[in-house]
Amino acid sequence: MIKKELKLQKKGKEKYFKLFNEKKISKFIIDKSLDKKCSLI
């Protein structure tokens, strides 16, 4: 089950990287959605 969740997260991450050209912005959105500490600086 954990492998399945990680696979879904990876696909979601790839989807966001395709939507946003700026990798910092897409990484920030992903980290915020996963409740990780992050900043744009």
N, C-alpha and C. Protein backbone atom coordinates (compact mmCIF):
# COMPACT_ATOMS: atom_id res chain seq x y z
N MET A 1 0.82 -1.19 0.00
CA MET A 1 0.00 0.00 0.00
C MET A 1 0.87 1.26 0.00
N ILE A 2 1.96 1.23 0.72
CA ILE A 2 2.85 2.38 0.78
C ILE A 2 3.47 2.63 -0.60
N LYS A 3 3.85 1.56 -1.29
CA LYS A 3 4.43 1.72 -2.62
C LYS A 3 3.42 2.37 -3.57
N LYS A 4 2.16 2.00 -3.42
CA LYS A 4 1.11 2.56 -4.26
C LYS A 4 0.97 4.06 -4.01
N GLU A 5 1.01 4.46 -2.73
CA GLU A 5 0.90 5.88 -2.38
C GLU A 5 2.10 6.66 -2.92
N LEU A 6 3.29 6.10 -2.78
CA LEU A 6 4.48 6.78 -3.28
C LEU A 6 4.42 6.94 -4.80
N LYS A 7 3.88 5.93 -5.48
CA LYS A 7 3.74 5.99 -6.93
C LYS A 7 2.78 7.12 -7.31
N LEU A 8 1.67 7.23 -6.58
CA LEU A 8 0.71 8.30 -6.84
C LEU A 8 1.33 9.67 -6.60
N GLN A 9 2.10 9.79 -5.51
CA GLN A 9 2.75 11.06 -5.21
C GLN A 9 3.74 11.44 -6.30
N LYS A 10 4.48 10.45 -6.79
CA LYS A 10 5.46 10.71 -7.83
C LYS A 10 4.77 11.18 -9.11
N LYS A 11 3.65 10.53 -9.46
CA LYS A 11 2.91 10.94 -10.65
C LYS A 11 2.35 12.34 -10.48
N GLY A 12 1.85 12.65 -9.28
CA GLY A 12 1.33 13.98 -9.00
C GLY A 12 2.41 15.03 -9.11
N LYS A 13 3.58 14.70 -8.60
CA LYS A 13 4.72 15.62 -8.66
C LYS A 13 5.09 15.89 -10.12
N GLU A 14 5.14 14.85 -10.93
CA GLU A 14 5.48 15.01 -12.34
C GLU A 14 4.43 15.87 -13.04
N LYS A 15 3.17 15.69 -12.68
CA LYS A 15 2.07 16.46 -13.26
C LYS A 15 2.26 17.95 -12.96
N TYR A 16 2.59 18.27 -11.71
CA TYR A 16 2.79 19.67 -11.34
C TYR A 16 4.02 20.26 -12.01
N PHE A 17 5.07 19.48 -12.18
CA PHE A 17 6.26 20.00 -12.85
C PHE A 17 5.95 20.29 -14.32
N LYS A 18 5.04 19.54 -14.93
CA LYS A 18 4.64 19.82 -16.31
C LYS A 18 3.81 21.09 -16.38
N LEU A 19 2.95 21.32 -15.38
CA LEU A 19 2.08 22.50 -15.39
C LEU A 19 2.85 23.80 -15.18
N PHE A 20 3.87 23.76 -14.33
CA PHE A 20 4.61 24.96 -14.00
C PHE A 20 6.04 24.86 -14.52
N ASN A 21 6.44 25.84 -15.29
CA ASN A 21 7.80 25.84 -15.81
C ASN A 21 8.82 26.13 -14.71
N GLU A 22 8.42 26.95 -13.76
CA GLU A 22 9.32 27.31 -12.67
C GLU A 22 9.33 26.18 -11.63
N LYS A 23 10.43 25.49 -11.51
CA LYS A 23 10.51 24.34 -10.60
C LYS A 23 10.38 24.74 -9.14
N LYS A 24 10.87 25.92 -8.79
CA LYS A 24 10.76 26.36 -7.39
C LYS A 24 9.31 26.52 -6.98
N ILE A 25 8.49 27.09 -7.86
CA ILE A 25 7.08 27.31 -7.55
C ILE A 25 6.35 25.98 -7.44
N SER A 26 6.61 25.07 -8.37
CA SER A 26 5.93 23.78 -8.33
C SER A 26 6.37 22.97 -7.12
N LYS A 27 7.65 23.03 -6.76
CA LYS A 27 8.13 22.31 -5.57
C LYS A 27 7.48 22.90 -4.31
N PHE A 28 7.34 24.22 -4.26
CA PHE A 28 6.70 24.88 -3.13
C PHE A 28 5.25 24.41 -2.98
N ILE A 29 4.52 24.35 -4.07
CA ILE A 29 3.12 23.92 -4.04
C ILE A 29 3.02 22.47 -3.56
N ILE A 30 3.89 21.63 -4.08
CA ILE A 30 3.87 20.21 -3.69
C ILE A 30 4.20 20.05 -2.21
N ASP A 31 5.24 20.73 -1.74
CA ASP A 31 5.63 20.64 -0.34
C ASP A 31 4.53 21.17 0.58
N LYS A 32 3.87 22.25 0.19
CA LYS A 32 2.78 22.80 0.98
C LYS A 32 1.62 21.80 1.05
N SER A 33 1.32 21.17 -0.06
CA SER A 33 0.20 20.22 -0.09
C SER A 33 0.51 18.97 0.73
N LEU A 34 1.79 18.65 0.90
CA LEU A 34 2.21 17.49 1.69
C LEU A 34 2.59 17.87 3.11
N ASP A 35 2.30 19.10 3.51
CA ASP A 35 2.60 19.63 4.85
C ASP A 35 4.07 19.55 5.22
N LYS A 36 4.94 19.84 4.27
CA LYS A 36 6.37 19.92 4.56
C LYS A 36 6.74 21.37 4.76
N LYS A 37 7.77 21.62 5.57
CA LYS A 37 8.26 22.98 5.74
C LYS A 37 8.98 23.40 4.47
N CYS A 38 8.65 24.60 3.98
CA CYS A 38 9.26 25.06 2.75
C CYS A 38 9.22 26.57 2.66
N SER A 39 10.04 27.10 1.77
CA SER A 39 10.03 28.53 1.50
C SER A 39 10.47 28.75 0.05
N LEU A 40 10.09 29.86 -0.50
CA LEU A 40 10.45 30.16 -1.89
C LEU A 40 11.82 30.80 -2.02
N ILE A 41 12.43 31.15 -0.91
CA ILE A 41 13.74 31.82 -0.94
C ILE A 41 14.85 30.80 -1.05
